[in-house]
Every structure is written in C-alpha cells, then in structure tokens.
Amino acid sequence: MDAIIQTLKLRYYARLINKYSQKSNKAALGLDRNLYFQKYCYYQDKLRMLQEEISAGRSI
C-alpha cells in the first residue's frame, strides 16, 4: 500500500512541476513568473527528496 501511495505522490509532484514550469514560461509579468518559478522549485525539491527516501528504502 505504501508503494502505491509513493507512486501517486511521485506522479502528482511531477505533474505539478510540469504545470508550474509551463506557467512560468508563459507568464509575462515578473512577479507572476517569479511566483510560478518558486512553486516549480518547491515541488522539484519535494520530488527529489521523495525519490531519495524511496531509493534509501525508507518510507514516509
């Protein structure tokens, strides 16, 4: 069951990363672009940390 939840979280974070990457690239104003880029970085870090936990064999 934990493997399923972890897989769903991985997909969810990957989808959010893609979403905010596209929004950041399309944003015309500097503040909007910065906000989307910060969200992109946040979810990218969360995904990386989750992948490291999975590869180390630890569960959440």
N, C-alpha and C. Protein backbone atom coordinates (compact mmCIF):
# COMPACT_ATOMS: atom_id res chain seq x y z
N MET A 1 0.81 -1.19 0.00
CA MET A 1 0.00 0.00 0.00
C MET A 1 0.86 1.26 0.00
N ASP A 2 1.95 1.23 0.75
CA ASP A 2 2.84 2.39 0.77
C ASP A 2 3.45 2.66 -0.59
N ALA A 3 3.75 1.60 -1.33
CA ALA A 3 4.33 1.77 -2.66
C ALA A 3 3.36 2.47 -3.59
N ILE A 4 2.08 2.17 -3.45
CA ILE A 4 1.07 2.82 -4.30
C ILE A 4 0.97 4.30 -3.96
N ILE A 5 0.97 4.61 -2.68
CA ILE A 5 0.88 6.00 -2.25
C ILE A 5 2.11 6.77 -2.70
N GLN A 6 3.28 6.17 -2.58
CA GLN A 6 4.50 6.84 -3.02
C GLN A 6 4.49 7.07 -4.52
N THR A 7 4.00 6.11 -5.27
CA THR A 7 3.92 6.27 -6.72
C THR A 7 2.96 7.39 -7.08
N LEU A 8 1.84 7.46 -6.39
CA LEU A 8 0.88 8.54 -6.65
C LEU A 8 1.47 9.90 -6.32
N LYS A 9 2.23 9.98 -5.23
CA LYS A 9 2.88 11.24 -4.86
C LYS A 9 3.91 11.64 -5.90
N LEU A 10 4.69 10.67 -6.39
CA LEU A 10 5.68 10.96 -7.42
C LEU A 10 5.01 11.53 -8.67
N ARG A 11 3.93 10.90 -9.10
CA ARG A 11 3.22 11.38 -10.29
C ARG A 11 2.62 12.76 -10.05
N TYR A 12 2.07 12.97 -8.86
CA TYR A 12 1.46 14.25 -8.53
C TYR A 12 2.49 15.37 -8.56
N TYR A 13 3.63 15.16 -7.92
CA TYR A 13 4.68 16.18 -7.91
C TYR A 13 5.22 16.42 -9.31
N ALA A 14 5.38 15.36 -10.10
CA ALA A 14 5.87 15.53 -11.47
C ALA A 14 4.89 16.34 -12.30
N ARG A 15 3.60 16.11 -12.08
CA ARG A 15 2.58 16.85 -12.82
C ARG A 15 2.60 18.33 -12.41
N LEU A 16 2.74 18.61 -11.12
CA LEU A 16 2.81 20.00 -10.66
C LEU A 16 4.07 20.70 -11.18
N ILE A 17 5.17 19.97 -11.22
CA ILE A 17 6.41 20.55 -11.76
C ILE A 17 6.20 20.97 -13.21
N ASN A 18 5.60 20.10 -13.98
CA ASN A 18 5.34 20.41 -15.38
C ASN A 18 4.38 21.59 -15.51
N LYS A 19 3.36 21.62 -14.69
CA LYS A 19 2.36 22.70 -14.73
C LYS A 19 3.00 24.05 -14.44
N TYR A 20 3.77 24.14 -13.37
CA TYR A 20 4.35 25.42 -12.99
C TYR A 20 5.51 25.82 -13.89
N SER A 21 6.17 24.87 -14.49
CA SER A 21 7.20 25.18 -15.47
C SER A 21 6.58 25.86 -16.69
N GLN A 22 5.47 25.31 -17.16
CA GLN A 22 4.79 25.91 -18.31
C GLN A 22 4.22 27.28 -17.97
N LYS A 23 3.62 27.42 -16.78
CA LYS A 23 3.07 28.71 -16.39
C LYS A 23 4.17 29.76 -16.25
N SER A 24 5.31 29.36 -15.72
CA SER A 24 6.42 30.29 -15.56
C SER A 24 6.93 30.76 -16.92
N ASN A 25 6.99 29.85 -17.86
CA ASN A 25 7.46 30.23 -19.19
C ASN A 25 6.47 31.12 -19.92
N LYS A 26 5.18 30.99 -19.65
CA LYS A 26 4.17 31.78 -20.33
C LYS A 26 3.87 33.11 -19.65
N ALA A 27 4.23 33.25 -18.39
CA ALA A 27 3.90 34.47 -17.64
C ALA A 27 4.66 35.66 -18.20
N ALA A 28 3.95 36.75 -18.37
CA ALA A 28 4.56 37.95 -18.93
C ALA A 28 5.11 38.86 -17.84
N LEU A 29 4.41 38.95 -16.73
CA LEU A 29 4.84 39.85 -15.65
C LEU A 29 5.89 39.19 -14.79
N GLY A 30 6.80 39.97 -14.28
CA GLY A 30 7.89 39.45 -13.48
C GLY A 30 7.47 38.79 -12.18
N LEU A 31 6.46 39.37 -11.50
CA LEU A 31 6.03 38.81 -10.22
C LEU A 31 5.33 37.47 -10.40
N ASP A 32 4.48 37.37 -11.42
CA ASP A 32 3.82 36.10 -11.69
C ASP A 32 4.83 35.03 -12.07
N ARG A 33 5.77 35.42 -12.88
CA ARG A 33 6.79 34.47 -13.32
C ARG A 33 7.61 33.97 -12.14
N ASN A 34 7.95 34.88 -11.24
CA ASN A 34 8.72 34.52 -10.05
C ASN A 34 7.92 33.59 -9.15
N LEU A 35 6.64 33.86 -8.97
CA LEU A 35 5.79 33.02 -8.13
C LEU A 35 5.72 31.60 -8.69
N TYR A 36 5.47 31.48 -9.98
CA TYR A 36 5.39 30.16 -10.59
C TYR A 36 6.74 29.43 -10.53
N PHE A 37 7.82 30.18 -10.70
CA PHE A 37 9.14 29.56 -10.64
C PHE A 37 9.44 29.06 -9.23
N GLN A 38 9.03 29.81 -8.21
CA GLN A 38 9.23 29.37 -6.83
C GLN A 38 8.45 28.10 -6.54
N LYS A 39 7.21 28.01 -7.03
CA LYS A 39 6.41 26.80 -6.85
C LYS A 39 7.05 25.63 -7.59
N TYR A 40 7.58 25.91 -8.79
CA TYR A 40 8.27 24.88 -9.56
C TYR A 40 9.46 24.33 -8.77
N CYS A 41 10.26 25.20 -8.20
CA CYS A 41 11.42 24.78 -7.42
C CYS A 41 11.01 24.01 -6.17
N TYR A 42 9.95 24.46 -5.51
CA TYR A 42 9.46 23.80 -4.31
C TYR A 42 9.06 22.36 -4.60
N TYR A 43 8.26 22.16 -5.62
CA TYR A 43 7.80 20.81 -5.94
C TYR A 43 8.93 19.95 -6.51
N GLN A 44 9.87 20.56 -7.18
CA GLN A 44 11.01 19.81 -7.67
C GLN A 44 11.85 19.29 -6.51
N ASP A 45 12.03 20.11 -5.48
CA ASP A 45 12.76 19.67 -4.29
C ASP A 45 12.00 18.58 -3.54
N LYS A 46 10.68 18.72 -3.42
CA LYS A 46 9.88 17.69 -2.76
C LYS A 46 9.97 16.36 -3.50
N LEU A 47 9.94 16.41 -4.83
CA LEU A 47 10.06 15.20 -5.63
C LEU A 47 11.42 14.56 -5.44
N ARG A 48 12.46 15.37 -5.45
CA ARG A 48 13.81 14.86 -5.27
C ARG A 48 13.97 14.20 -3.89
N MET A 49 13.43 14.84 -2.85
CA MET A 49 13.53 14.27 -1.51
C MET A 49 12.75 12.97 -1.41
N LEU A 50 11.59 12.89 -2.03
CA LEU A 50 10.79 11.67 -2.00
C LEU A 50 11.52 10.55 -2.75
N GLN A 51 12.14 10.87 -3.86
CA GLN A 51 12.90 9.87 -4.61
C GLN A 51 14.08 9.36 -3.80
N GLU A 52 14.75 10.26 -3.07
CA GLU A 52 15.87 9.85 -2.23
C GLU A 52 15.40 8.93 -1.10
N GLU A 53 14.25 9.24 -0.51
CA GLU A 53 13.71 8.39 0.55
C GLU A 53 13.37 7.00 0.02
N ILE A 54 12.79 6.96 -1.17
CA ILE A 54 12.43 5.68 -1.76
C ILE A 54 13.69 4.88 -2.10
N SER A 55 14.68 5.53 -2.66
CA SER A 55 15.90 4.81 -3.03
C SER A 55 16.67 4.35 -1.79
N ALA A 56 16.53 5.06 -0.68
CA ALA A 56 17.22 4.65 0.55
C ALA A 56 16.44 3.55 1.27
N GLY A 57 15.23 3.27 0.82
CA GLY A 57 14.45 2.22 1.41
C GLY A 57 13.60 2.65 2.59
N ARG A 58 13.58 3.94 2.85
CA ARG A 58 12.75 4.45 3.93
C ARG A 58 11.37 4.78 3.39
N SER A 59 10.38 4.62 4.21
CA SER A 59 9.05 5.03 3.83
C SER A 59 8.70 6.31 4.56
N ILE A 60 7.66 6.94 4.13
CA ILE A 60 7.26 8.23 4.69
C ILE A 60 6.65 8.05 6.05
